[in-house]
Amino acid sequence: MSRTLFDRTMHGTRMTMWTERTPDGRLVIAGQDIGRAPSEIFGSDDYEYRYVLTEASESSLRSRLHERLGAGRGAAVEERAETLLERAFLTGMLDDPSDVRSFMDDHGIEYSFSSR
């Protein structure tokens, strides 16, 4: 089951980001940009990408999001990563899809990346 995190049109480009799971349960953060920006950058108006996290990376992501969203120190990190990512967008902690990659990079969270 996928969960939409971001769906907005800005500067002639529709940007969508969602989460899903691989058949073996790994978290996937996927996105698609359609419109002017990918056309200008890649020569095609459609750009798709995926970040796939291991269980350990997902645990790190949950912990860092939990901390940044203001949960108390020592509180259990029981919320799913999907829920925390959704809250991060809703609260403005993450403003657009590129913030997700920056957040993971800034916190040393490993992922595999693919695009087309």
PDB file of N, CA and C in Angstrom:
ATOM      1  N   MET A   1       0.839  -1.175   0.000  1.00  0.00           N
ATOM      2  CA  MET A   1       0.000   0.000   0.000  1.00  0.00           C
ATOM      3  C   MET A   1       0.891   1.248   0.000  1.00  0.00           C
ATOM      4  N   SER A   2       0.635   2.155  -0.879  1.00  0.00           N
ATOM      5  CA  SER A   2       1.453   3.360  -0.943  1.00  0.00           C
ATOM      6  C   SER A   2       0.768   4.499  -0.191  1.00  0.00           C
ATOM      7  N   ARG A   3       1.598   5.456   0.216  1.00  0.00           N
ATOM      8  CA  ARG A   3       1.097   6.627   0.933  1.00  0.00           C
ATOM      9  C   ARG A   3       1.713   7.858   0.279  1.00  0.00           C
ATOM     10  N   THR A   4       0.861   8.775  -0.183  1.00  0.00           N
ATOM     11  CA  THR A   4       1.349   9.996  -0.817  1.00  0.00           C
ATOM     12  C   THR A   4       1.875  10.950   0.239  1.00  0.00           C
ATOM     13  N   LEU A   5       3.098  11.435   0.006  1.00  0.00           N
ATOM     14  CA  LEU A   5       3.729  12.384   0.914  1.00  0.00           C
ATOM     15  C   LEU A   5       3.642  13.809   0.389  1.00  0.00           C
ATOM     16  N   PHE A   6       3.697  13.954  -0.928  1.00  0.00           N
ATOM     17  CA  PHE A   6       3.797  15.276  -1.533  1.00  0.00           C
ATOM     18  C   PHE A   6       3.184  15.208  -2.921  1.00  0.00           C
ATOM     19  N   ASP A   7       2.344  16.173  -3.258  1.00  0.00           N
ATOM     20  CA  ASP A   7       1.748  16.233  -4.587  1.00  0.00           C
ATOM     21  C   ASP A   7       1.402  17.693  -4.863  1.00  0.00           C
ATOM     22  N   ARG A   8       2.287  18.342  -5.607  1.00  0.00           N
ATOM     23  CA  ARG A   8       2.130  19.778  -5.822  1.00  0.00           C
ATOM     24  C   ARG A   8       2.702  20.159  -7.178  1.00  0.00           C
ATOM     25  N   THR A   9       2.114  21.178  -7.782  1.00  0.00           N
ATOM     26  CA  THR A   9       2.651  21.726  -9.017  1.00  0.00           C
ATOM     27  C   THR A   9       3.303  23.064  -8.702  1.00  0.00           C
ATOM     28  N   MET A  10       4.573  23.178  -9.085  1.00  0.00           N
ATOM     29  CA  MET A  10       5.329  24.402  -8.849  1.00  0.00           C
ATOM     30  C   MET A  10       6.144  24.722 -10.085  1.00  0.00           C
ATOM     31  N   HIS A  11       6.067  25.953 -10.556  1.00  0.00           N
ATOM     32  CA  HIS A  11       6.872  26.420 -11.682  1.00  0.00           C
ATOM     33  C   HIS A  11       6.752  25.520 -12.914  1.00  0.00           C
ATOM     34  N   GLY A  12       5.539  25.072 -13.194  1.00  0.00           N
ATOM     35  CA  GLY A  12       5.305  24.263 -14.384  1.00  0.00           C
ATOM     36  C   GLY A  12       5.676  22.800 -14.263  1.00  0.00           C
ATOM     37  N   THR A  13       5.967  22.353 -13.045  1.00  0.00           N
ATOM     38  CA  THR A  13       6.333  20.951 -12.827  1.00  0.00           C
ATOM     39  C   THR A  13       5.475  20.361 -11.729  1.00  0.00           C
ATOM     40  N   ARG A  14       4.837  19.237 -12.025  1.00  0.00           N
ATOM     41  CA  ARG A  14       4.096  18.512 -10.992  1.00  0.00           C
ATOM     42  C   ARG A  14       5.066  17.546 -10.329  1.00  0.00           C
ATOM     43  N   MET A  15       5.200  17.697  -9.011  1.00  0.00           N
ATOM     44  CA  MET A  15       6.090  16.842  -8.229  1.00  0.00           C
ATOM     45  C   MET A  15       5.244  16.000  -7.287  1.00  0.00           C
ATOM     46  N   THR A  16       5.469  14.701  -7.345  1.00  0.00           N
ATOM     47  CA  THR A  16       4.753  13.764  -6.495  1.00  0.00           C
ATOM     48  C   THR A  16       5.764  12.870  -5.803  1.00  0.00           C
ATOM     49  N   MET A  17       5.549  12.603  -4.514  1.00  0.00           N
ATOM     50  CA  MET A  17       6.410  11.679  -3.767  1.00  0.00           C
ATOM     51  C   MET A  17       5.507  10.799  -2.912  1.00  0.00           C
ATOM     52  N   TRP A  18       5.861   9.516  -2.836  1.00  0.00           N
ATOM     53  CA  TRP A  18       5.072   8.571  -2.062  1.00  0.00           C
ATOM     54  C   TRP A  18       5.990   7.512  -1.468  1.00  0.00           C
ATOM     55  N   THR A  19       5.447   6.734  -0.553  1.00  0.00           N
ATOM     56  CA  THR A  19       6.173   5.594   0.002  1.00  0.00           C
ATOM     57  C   THR A  19       5.467   4.317  -0.406  1.00  0.00           C
ATOM     58  N   GLU A  20       6.248   3.263  -0.479  1.00  0.00           N
ATOM     59  CA  GLU A  20       5.723   1.925  -0.740  1.00  0.00           C
ATOM     60  C   GLU A  20       6.714   0.934  -0.145  1.00  0.00           C
ATOM     61  N   ARG A  21       6.414  -0.335  -0.253  1.00  0.00           N
ATOM     62  CA  ARG A  21       7.290  -1.385   0.277  1.00  0.00           C
ATOM     63  C   ARG A  21       7.667  -2.357  -0.828  1.00  0.00           C
ATOM     64  N   THR A  22       8.901  -2.851  -0.764  1.00  0.00           N
ATOM     65  CA  THR A  22       9.315  -3.912  -1.675  1.00  0.00           C
ATOM     66  C   THR A  22       8.642  -5.202  -1.213  1.00  0.00           C
ATOM     67  N   PRO A  23       8.632  -6.237  -2.061  1.00  0.00           N
ATOM     68  CA  PRO A  23       8.032  -7.508  -1.634  1.00  0.00           C
ATOM     69  C   PRO A  23       8.652  -8.066  -0.344  1.00  0.00           C
ATOM     70  N   ASP A  24       9.946  -7.747  -0.088  1.00  0.00           N
ATOM     71  CA  ASP A  24      10.572  -8.244   1.143  1.00  0.00           C
ATOM     72  C   ASP A  24      10.471  -7.251   2.308  1.00  0.00           C
ATOM     73  N   GLY A  25       9.668  -6.179   2.129  1.00  0.00           N
ATOM     74  CA  GLY A  25       9.360  -5.281   3.241  1.00  0.00           C
ATOM     75  C   GLY A  25      10.211  -4.041   3.387  1.00  0.00           C
ATOM     76  N   ARG A  26      11.179  -3.836   2.493  1.00  0.00           N
ATOM     77  CA  ARG A  26      12.016  -2.633   2.603  1.00  0.00           C
ATOM     78  C   ARG A  26      11.229  -1.385   2.209  1.00  0.00           C
ATOM     79  N   LEU A  27      11.541  -0.276   2.878  1.00  0.00           N
ATOM     80  CA  LEU A  27      10.896   0.995   2.591  1.00  0.00           C
ATOM     81  C   LEU A  27      11.419   1.571   1.287  1.00  0.00           C
ATOM     82  N   VAL A  28      10.497   2.019   0.444  1.00  0.00           N
ATOM     83  CA  VAL A  28      10.824   2.718  -0.794  1.00  0.00           C
ATOM     84  C   VAL A  28      10.192   4.101  -0.716  1.00  0.00           C
ATOM     85  N   ILE A  29      11.001   5.115  -0.959  1.00  0.00           N
ATOM     86  CA  ILE A  29      10.508   6.477  -1.098  1.00  0.00           C
ATOM     87  C   ILE A  29      10.669   6.807  -2.573  1.00  0.00           C
ATOM     88  N   ALA A  30       9.544   6.962  -3.261  1.00  0.00           N
ATOM     89  CA  ALA A  30       9.570   7.126  -4.711  1.00  0.00           C
ATOM     90  C   ALA A  30       8.963   8.461  -5.103  1.00  0.00           C
ATOM     91  N   GLY A  31       9.333   8.918  -6.282  1.00  0.00           N
ATOM     92  CA  GLY A  31       8.787  10.179  -6.749  1.00  0.00           C
ATOM     93  C   GLY A  31       8.775  10.278  -8.247  1.00  0.00           C
ATOM     94  N   GLN A  32       8.014  11.263  -8.719  1.00  0.00           N
ATOM     95  CA  GLN A  32       7.916  11.527 -10.142  1.00  0.00           C
ATOM     96  C   GLN A  32       7.738  13.027 -10.336  1.00  0.00           C
ATOM     97  N   ASP A  33       8.511  13.580 -11.250  1.00  0.00           N
ATOM     98  CA  ASP A  33       8.379  14.973 -11.653  1.00  0.00           C
ATOM     99  C   ASP A  33       7.955  14.985 -13.105  1.00  0.00           C
ATOM    100  N   ILE A  34       6.899  15.722 -13.406  1.00  0.00           N
ATOM    101  CA  ILE A  34       6.403  15.808 -14.780  1.00  0.00           C
ATOM    102  C   ILE A  34       6.285  17.284 -15.140  1.00  0.00           C
ATOM    103  N   GLY A  35       6.891  17.669 -16.262  1.00  0.00           N
ATOM    104  CA  GLY A  35       6.736  19.044 -16.716  1.00  0.00           C
ATOM    105  C   GLY A  35       8.026  19.717 -17.097  1.00  0.00           C
ATOM    106  N   ARG A  36       8.060  21.006 -16.838  1.00  0.00           N
ATOM    107  CA  ARG A  36       9.133  21.864 -17.331  1.00  0.00           C
ATOM    108  C   ARG A  36      10.520  21.509 -16.782  1.00  0.00           C
ATOM    109  N   ALA A  37      10.646  21.338 -15.476  1.00  0.00           N
ATOM    110  CA  ALA A  37      11.980  21.108 -14.882  1.00  0.00           C
ATOM    111  C   ALA A  37      12.672  19.870 -15.452  1.00  0.00           C
ATOM    112  N   PRO A  38      12.035  18.695 -15.444  1.00  0.00           N
ATOM    113  CA  PRO A  38      12.748  17.548 -16.020  1.00  0.00           C
ATOM    114  C   PRO A  38      13.010  17.705 -17.515  1.00  0.00           C
ATOM    115  N   SER A  39      12.116  18.387 -18.211  1.00  0.00           N
ATOM    116  CA  SER A  39      12.325  18.611 -19.640  1.00  0.00           C
ATOM    117  C   SER A  39      13.573  19.455 -19.872  1.00  0.00           C
ATOM    118  N   GLU A  40      13.748  20.503 -19.075  1.00  0.00           N
ATOM    119  CA  GLU A  40      14.910  21.376 -19.221  1.00  0.00           C
ATOM    120  C   GLU A  40      16.205  20.679 -18.796  1.00  0.00           C
ATOM    121  N   ILE A  41      16.135  19.834 -17.767  1.00  0.00           N
ATOM    122  CA  ILE A  41      17.333  19.194 -17.235  1.00  0.00           C
ATOM    123  C   ILE A  41      17.708  17.930 -18.004  1.00  0.00           C
ATOM    124  N   PHE A  42      16.701  17.085 -18.274  1.00  0.00           N
ATOM    125  CA  PHE A  42      16.969  15.755 -18.845  1.00  0.00           C
ATOM    126  C   PHE A  42      16.520  15.590 -20.294  1.00  0.00           C
ATOM    127  N   GLY A  43      15.792  16.577 -20.824  1.00  0.00           N
ATOM    128  CA  GLY A  43      15.306  16.462 -22.193  1.00  0.00           C
ATOM    129  C   GLY A  43      14.044  15.632 -22.316  1.00  0.00           C
ATOM    130  N   SER A  44      13.467  15.240 -21.201  1.00  0.00           N
ATOM    131  CA  SER A  44      12.204  14.499 -21.162  1.00  0.00           C
ATOM    132  C   SER A  44      11.350  15.117 -20.066  1.00  0.00           C
ATOM    133  N   ASP A  45      10.046  15.190 -20.298  1.00  0.00           N
ATOM    134  CA  ASP A  45       9.202  15.848 -19.300  1.00  0.00           C
ATOM    135  C   ASP A  45       8.776  14.915 -18.161  1.00  0.00           C
ATOM    136  N   ASP A  46       9.362  13.729 -18.084  1.00  0.00           N
ATOM    137  CA  ASP A  46       9.017  12.760 -17.040  1.00  0.00           C
ATOM    138  C   ASP A  46      10.288  12.226 -16.390  1.00  0.00           C
ATOM    139  N   TYR A  47      10.398  12.389 -15.080  1.00  0.00           N
ATOM    140  CA  TYR A  47      11.559  11.905 -14.321  1.00  0.00           C
ATOM    141  C   TYR A  47      11.040  11.135 -13.116  1.00  0.00           C
ATOM    142  N   GLU A  48      11.477   9.901 -12.961  1.00  0.00           N
ATOM    143  CA  GLU A  48      11.064   9.060 -11.838  1.00  0.00           C
ATOM    144  C   GLU A  48      12.295   8.631 -11.053  1.00  0.00           C
ATOM    145  N   TYR A  49      12.139   8.503  -9.742  1.00  0.00           N
ATOM    146  CA  TYR A  49      13.268   8.116  -8.887  1.00  0.00           C
ATOM    147  C   TYR A  49      12.783   7.297  -7.698  1.00  0.00           C
ATOM    148  N   ARG A  50      13.731   6.555  -7.108  1.00  0.00           N
ATOM    149  CA  ARG A  50      13.422   5.700  -5.947  1.00  0.00           C
ATOM    150  C   ARG A  50      14.614   5.662  -5.005  1.00  0.00           C
ATOM    151  N   TYR A  51      14.308   5.800  -3.725  1.00  0.00           N
ATOM    152  CA  TYR A  51      15.277   5.550  -2.671  1.00  0.00           C
ATOM    153  C   TYR A  51      14.802   4.278  -1.972  1.00  0.00           C
ATOM    154  N   VAL A  52      15.671   3.293  -1.834  1.00  0.00           N
ATOM    155  CA  VAL A  52      15.317   2.058  -1.142  1.00  0.00           C
ATOM    156  C   VAL A  52      16.197   1.963   0.099  1.00  0.00           C
ATOM    157  N   LEU A  53      15.565   1.755   1.249  1.00  0.00           N
ATOM    158  CA  LEU A  53      16.280   1.712   2.519  1.00  0.00           C
ATOM    159  C   LEU A  53      16.282   0.308   3.093  1.00  0.00           C
ATOM    160  N   THR A  54      17.390  -0.068   3.693  1.00  0.00           N
ATOM    161  CA  THR A  54      17.455  -1.326   4.431  1.00  0.00           C
ATOM    162  C   THR A  54      16.687  -1.147   5.748  1.00  0.00           C
ATOM    163  N   GLU A  55      16.501  -2.218   6.463  1.00  0.00           N
ATOM    164  CA  GLU A  55      15.828  -2.140   7.759  1.00  0.00           C
ATOM    165  C   GLU A  55      16.599  -1.231   8.721  1.00  0.00           C
ATOM    166  N   ALA A  56      17.927  -1.342   8.726  1.00  0.00           N
ATOM    167  CA  ALA A  56      18.751  -0.504   9.603  1.00  0.00           C
ATOM    168  C   ALA A  56      18.641   0.971   9.221  1.00  0.00           C
ATOM    169  N   SER A  57      18.650   1.258   7.928  1.00  0.00           N
ATOM    170  CA  SER A  57      18.523   2.640   7.469  1.00  0.00           C
ATOM    171  C   SER A  57      17.144   3.193   7.800  1.00  0.00           C
ATOM    172  N   GLU A  58      16.121   2.372   7.651  1.00  0.00           N
ATOM    173  CA  GLU A  58      14.773   2.815   8.000  1.00  0.00           C
ATOM    174  C   GLU A  58      14.684   3.129   9.493  1.00  0.00           C
ATOM    175  N   SER A  59      15.314   2.316  10.310  1.00  0.00           N
ATOM    176  CA  SER A  59      15.325   2.562  11.748  1.00  0.00           C
ATOM    177  C   SER A  59      16.010   3.897  12.065  1.00  0.00           C
ATOM    178  N   SER A  60      17.125   4.180  11.396  1.00  0.00           N
ATOM    179  CA  SER A  60      17.816   5.456  11.577  1.00  0.00           C
ATOM    180  C   SER A  60      16.941   6.619  11.126  1.00  0.00           C
ATOM    181  N   LEU A  61      16.268   6.454   9.996  1.00  0.00           N
ATOM    182  CA  LEU A  61      15.381   7.496   9.495  1.00  0.00           C
ATOM    183  C   LEU A  61      14.270   7.773  10.507  1.00  0.00           C
ATOM    184  N   ARG A  62      13.665   6.708  11.027  1.00  0.00           N
ATOM    185  CA  ARG A  62      12.604   6.890  12.023  1.00  0.00           C
ATOM    186  C   ARG A  62      13.122   7.644  13.240  1.00  0.00           C
ATOM    187  N   SER A  63      14.282   7.262  13.733  1.00  0.00           N
ATOM    188  CA  SER A  63      14.854   7.910  14.917  1.00  0.00           C
ATOM    189  C   SER A  63      15.116   9.389  14.675  1.00  0.00           C
ATOM    190  N   ARG A  64      15.733   9.714  13.531  1.00  0.00           N
ATOM    191  CA  ARG A  64      16.061  11.119  13.245  1.00  0.00           C
ATOM    192  C   ARG A  64      14.809  11.956  13.025  1.00  0.00           C
ATOM    193  N   LEU A  65      13.823  11.408  12.314  1.00  0.00           N
ATOM    194  CA  LEU A  65      12.570  12.138  12.119  1.00  0.00           C
ATOM    195  C   LEU A  65      11.861  12.338  13.456  1.00  0.00           C
ATOM    196  N   HIS A  66      11.863  11.322  14.271  1.00  0.00           N
ATOM    197  CA  HIS A  66      11.236  11.379  15.590  1.00  0.00           C
ATOM    198  C   HIS A  66      11.854  12.501  16.416  1.00  0.00           C
ATOM    199  N   GLU A  67      13.167  12.574  16.413  1.00  0.00           N
ATOM    200  CA  GLU A  67      13.874  13.640  17.148  1.00  0.00           C
ATOM    201  C   GLU A  67      13.508  15.018  16.617  1.00  0.00           C
ATOM    202  N   ARG A  68      13.551  15.188  15.295  1.00  0.00           N
ATOM    203  CA  ARG A  68      13.304  16.495  14.685  1.00  0.00           C
ATOM    204  C   ARG A  68      11.864  16.950  14.799  1.00  0.00           C
ATOM    205  N   LEU A  69      10.940  15.992  14.867  1.00  0.00           N
ATOM    206  CA  LEU A  69       9.528  16.360  14.976  1.00  0.00           C
ATOM    207  C   LEU A  69       9.133  16.711  16.412  1.00  0.00           C
ATOM    208  N   GLY A  70      10.110  16.680  17.311  1.00  0.00           N
ATOM    209  CA  GLY A  70       9.856  17.171  18.659  1.00  0.00           C
ATOM    210  C   GLY A  70       9.384  16.157  19.665  1.00  0.00           C
ATOM    211  N   ALA A  71       9.528  14.891  19.378  1.00  0.00           N
ATOM    212  CA  ALA A  71       9.152  13.875  20.360  1.00  0.00           C
ATOM    213  C   ALA A  71      10.126  13.953  21.532  1.00  0.00           C
ATOM    214  N   GLY A  72       9.658  13.622  22.686  1.00  0.00           N
ATOM    215  CA  GLY A  72      10.492  13.708  23.882  1.00  0.00           C
ATOM    216  C   GLY A  72      11.679  12.771  23.845  1.00  0.00           C
ATOM    217  N   ARG A  73      12.736  13.169  24.507  1.00  0.00           N
ATOM    218  CA  ARG A  73      13.939  12.342  24.578  1.00  0.00           C
ATOM    219  C   ARG A  73      13.603  11.033  25.289  1.00  0.00           C
ATOM    220  N   GLY A  74      14.052   9.953  24.714  1.00  0.00           N
ATOM    221  CA  GLY A  74      13.808   8.659  25.326  1.00  0.00           C
ATOM    222  C   GLY A  74      12.452   8.055  24.979  1.00  0.00           C
ATOM    223  N   ALA A  75      11.619   8.810  24.267  1.00  0.00           N
ATOM    224  CA  ALA A  75      10.312   8.275  23.886  1.00  0.00           C
ATOM    225  C   ALA A  75      10.497   7.161  22.862  1.00  0.00           C
ATOM    226  N   ALA A  76       9.624   6.199  22.909  1.00  0.00           N
ATOM    227  CA  ALA A  76       9.704   5.066  21.976  1.00  0.00           C
ATOM    228  C   ALA A  76       9.456   5.539  20.546  1.00  0.00           C
ATOM    229  N   VAL A  77      10.222   4.999  19.626  1.00  0.00           N
ATOM    230  CA  VAL A  77      10.050   5.332  18.211  1.00  0.00           C
ATOM    231  C   VAL A  77       9.252   4.196  17.585  1.00  0.00           C
ATOM    232  N   GLU A  78       7.943   4.263  17.757  1.00  0.00           N
ATOM    233  CA  GLU A  78       7.090   3.172  17.289  1.00  0.00           C
ATOM    234  C   GLU A  78       6.362   3.505  16.003  1.00  0.00           C
ATOM    235  N   GLU A  79       6.283   4.766  15.664  1.00  0.00           N
ATOM    236  CA  GLU A  79       5.576   5.133  14.449  1.00  0.00           C
ATOM    237  C   GLU A  79       6.310   4.622  13.221  1.00  0.00           C
ATOM    238  N   ARG A  80       5.546   4.270  12.221  1.00  0.00           N
ATOM    239  CA  ARG A  80       6.133   3.818  10.960  1.00  0.00           C
ATOM    240  C   ARG A  80       6.817   4.996  10.280  1.00  0.00           C
ATOM    241  N   ALA A  81       7.834   4.705   9.495  1.00  0.00           N
ATOM    242  CA  ALA A  81       8.556   5.745   8.766  1.00  0.00           C
ATOM    243  C   ALA A  81       7.610   6.525   7.864  1.00  0.00           C
ATOM    244  N   GLU A  82       6.656   5.836   7.257  1.00  0.00           N
ATOM    245  CA  GLU A  82       5.697   6.490   6.379  1.00  0.00           C
ATOM    246  C   GLU A  82       4.922   7.578   7.110  1.00  0.00           C
ATOM    247  N   THR A  83       4.493   7.279   8.326  1.00  0.00           N
ATOM    248  CA  THR A  83       3.735   8.227   9.135  1.00  0.00           C
ATOM    249  C   THR A  83       4.599   9.424   9.515  1.00  0.00           C
ATOM    250  N   LEU A  84       5.842   9.159   9.908  1.00  0.00           N
ATOM    251  CA  LEU A  84       6.749  10.238  10.289  1.00  0.00           C
ATOM    252  C   LEU A  84       7.088  11.134   9.098  1.00  0.00           C
ATOM    253  N   LEU A  85       7.308  10.547   7.935  1.00  0.00           N
ATOM    254  CA  LEU A  85       7.573  11.344   6.739  1.00  0.00           C
ATOM    255  C   LEU A  85       6.369  12.208   6.392  1.00  0.00           C
ATOM    256  N   GLU A  86       5.192  11.641   6.480  1.00  0.00           N
ATOM    257  CA  GLU A  86       3.979  12.399   6.208  1.00  0.00           C
ATOM    258  C   GLU A  86       3.856  13.586   7.175  1.00  0.00           C
ATOM    259  N   ARG A  87       4.103  13.350   8.466  1.00  0.00           N
ATOM    260  CA  ARG A  87       4.070  14.433   9.454  1.00  0.00           C
ATOM    261  C   ARG A  87       5.125  15.490   9.161  1.00  0.00           C
ATOM    262  N   ALA A  88       6.301  15.069   8.708  1.00  0.00           N
ATOM    263  CA  ALA A  88       7.369  16.020   8.400  1.00  0.00           C
ATOM    264  C   ALA A  88       6.948  16.966   7.275  1.00  0.00           C
ATOM    265  N   PHE A  89       6.240  16.457   6.270  1.00  0.00           N
ATOM    266  CA  PHE A  89       5.734  17.324   5.206  1.00  0.00           C
ATOM    267  C   PHE A  89       4.585  18.198   5.709  1.00  0.00           C
ATOM    268  N   LEU A  90       3.679  17.624   6.473  1.00  0.00           N
ATOM    269  CA  LEU A  90       2.526  18.385   6.966  1.00  0.00           C
ATOM    270  C   LEU A  90       2.932  19.524   7.891  1.00  0.00           C
ATOM    271  N   THR A  91       3.975  19.326   8.675  1.00  0.00           N
ATOM    272  CA  THR A  91       4.419  20.364   9.606  1.00  0.00           C
ATOM    273  C   THR A  91       5.368  21.369   8.964  1.00  0.00           C
ATOM    274  N   GLY A  92       5.810  21.101   7.745  1.00  0.00           N
ATOM    275  CA  GLY A  92       6.741  22.002   7.074  1.00  0.00           C
ATOM    276  C   GLY A  92       8.201  21.720   7.390  1.00  0.00           C
ATOM    277  N   MET A  93       8.468  20.678   8.163  1.00  0.00           N
ATOM    278  CA  MET A  93       9.856  20.317   8.425  1.00  0.00           C
ATOM    279  C   MET A  93      10.549  19.944   7.102  1.00  0.00           C
ATOM    280  N   LEU A  94       9.825  19.259   6.237  1.00  0.00           N
ATOM    281  CA  LEU A  94      10.270  18.981   4.871  1.00  0.00           C
ATOM    282  C   LEU A  94       9.362  19.782   3.947  1.00  0.00           C
ATOM    283  N   ASP A  95       9.961  20.591   3.056  1.00  0.00           N
ATOM    284  CA  ASP A  95       9.166  21.462   2.187  1.00  0.00           C
ATOM    285  C   ASP A  95       8.912  20.896   0.801  1.00  0.00           C
ATOM    286  N   ASP A  96       9.852  20.121   0.288  1.00  0.00           N
ATOM    287  CA  ASP A  96       9.668  19.535  -1.033  1.00  0.00           C
ATOM    288  C   ASP A  96      10.460  18.232  -1.116  1.00  0.00           C
ATOM    289  N   PRO A  97      10.249  17.444  -2.156  1.00  0.00           N
ATOM    290  CA  PRO A  97      10.895  16.136  -2.233  1.00  0.00           C
ATOM    291  C   PRO A  97      12.412  16.152  -2.100  1.00  0.00           C
ATOM    292  N   SER A  98      13.086  17.186  -2.575  1.00  0.00           N
ATOM    293  CA  SER A  98      14.547  17.212  -2.461  1.00  0.00           C
ATOM    294  C   SER A  98      15.000  17.271  -1.000  1.00  0.00           C
ATOM    295  N   ASP A  99      14.146  17.753  -0.118  1.00  0.00           N
ATOM    296  CA  ASP A  99      14.489  17.806   1.305  1.00  0.00           C
ATOM    297  C   ASP A  99      14.663  16.417   1.912  1.00  0.00           C
ATOM    298  N   VAL A 100      13.980  15.423   1.358  1.00  0.00           N
ATOM    299  CA  VAL A 100      14.098  14.061   1.886  1.00  0.00           C
ATOM    300  C   VAL A 100      15.522  13.551   1.682  1.00  0.00           C
ATOM    301  N   ARG A 101      16.039  13.717   0.475  1.00  0.00           N
ATOM    302  CA  ARG A 101      17.420  13.275   0.193  1.00  0.00           C
ATOM    303  C   ARG A 101      18.410  14.054   1.058  1.00  0.00           C
ATOM    304  N   SER A 102      18.235  15.359   1.163  1.00  0.00           N
ATOM    305  CA  SER A 102      19.126  16.178   1.991  1.00  0.00           C
ATOM    306  C   SER A 102      19.084  15.727   3.445  1.00  0.00           C
ATOM    307  N   PHE A 103      17.889  15.442   3.947  1.00  0.00           N
ATOM    308  CA  PHE A 103      17.745  14.989   5.331  1.00  0.00           C
ATOM    309  C   PHE A 103      18.497  13.680   5.543  1.00  0.00           C
ATOM    310  N   MET A 104      18.323  12.728   4.624  1.00  0.00           N
ATOM    311  CA  MET A 104      19.011  11.443   4.770  1.00  0.00           C
ATOM    312  C   MET A 104      20.524  11.630   4.671  1.00  0.00           C
ATOM    313  N   ASP A 105      20.978  12.436   3.721  1.00  0.00           N
ATOM    314  CA  ASP A 105      22.414  12.678   3.566  1.00  0.00           C
ATOM    315  C   ASP A 105      22.990  13.374   4.800  1.00  0.00           C
ATOM    316  N   ASP A 106      22.298  14.383   5.295  1.00  0.00           N
ATOM    317  CA  ASP A 106      22.768  15.140   6.462  1.00  0.00           C
ATOM    318  C   ASP A 106      22.876  14.277   7.715  1.00  0.00           C
ATOM    319  N   HIS A 107      22.058  13.220   7.789  1.00  0.00           N
ATOM    320  CA  HIS A 107      22.048  12.358   8.966  1.00  0.00           C
ATOM    321  C   HIS A 107      22.739  11.013   8.734  1.00  0.00           C
ATOM    322  N   GLY A 108      23.446  10.887   7.612  1.00  0.00           N
ATOM    323  CA  GLY A 108      24.204   9.668   7.340  1.00  0.00           C
ATOM    324  C   GLY A 108      23.347   8.431   7.145  1.00  0.00           C
ATOM    325  N   ILE A 109      22.135   8.622   6.656  1.00  0.00           N
ATOM    326  CA  ILE A 109      21.226   7.495   6.423  1.00  0.00           C
ATOM    327  C   ILE A 109      21.486   6.955   5.023  1.00  0.00           C
ATOM    328  N   GLU A 110      21.880   5.702   4.946  1.00  0.00           N
ATOM    329  CA  GLU A 110      22.239   5.085   3.668  1.00  0.00           C
ATOM    330  C   GLU A 110      20.994   4.624   2.910  1.00  0.00           C
ATOM    331  N   TYR A 111      21.079   4.683   1.605  1.00  0.00           N
ATOM    332  CA  TYR A 111      19.983   4.253   0.730  1.00  0.00           C
ATOM    333  C   TYR A 111      20.567   3.901  -0.621  1.00  0.00           C
ATOM    334  N   SER A 112      19.819   3.121  -1.382  1.00  0.00           N
ATOM    335  CA  SER A 112      20.192   2.931  -2.779  1.00  0.00           C
ATOM    336  C   SER A 112      19.265   3.837  -3.590  1.00  0.00           C
ATOM    337  N   PHE A 113      19.800   4.397  -4.668  1.00  0.00           N
ATOM    338  CA  PHE A 113      19.055   5.347  -5.461  1.00  0.00           C
ATOM    339  C   PHE A 113      19.026   4.888  -6.908  1.00  0.00           C
ATOM    340  N   SER A 114      17.885   5.026  -7.532  1.00  0.00           N
ATOM    341  CA  SER A 114      17.777   4.765  -8.965  1.00  0.00           C
ATOM    342  C   SER A 114      16.827   5.786  -9.563  1.00  0.00           C
ATOM    343  N   SER A 115      17.032   6.069 -10.853  1.00  0.00           N
ATOM    344  CA  SER A 115      16.151   7.020 -11.539  1.00  0.00           C
ATOM    345  C   SER A 115      16.057   6.645 -13.011  1.00  0.00           C
ATOM    346  N   ARG A 116      15.023   7.188 -13.626  1.00  0.00           N
ATOM    347  CA  ARG A 116      14.869   7.019 -15.075  1.00  0.00           C
ATOM    348  C   ARG A 116      14.048   8.153 -15.618  1.00  0.00           C
TER     349      ARG A 116
END
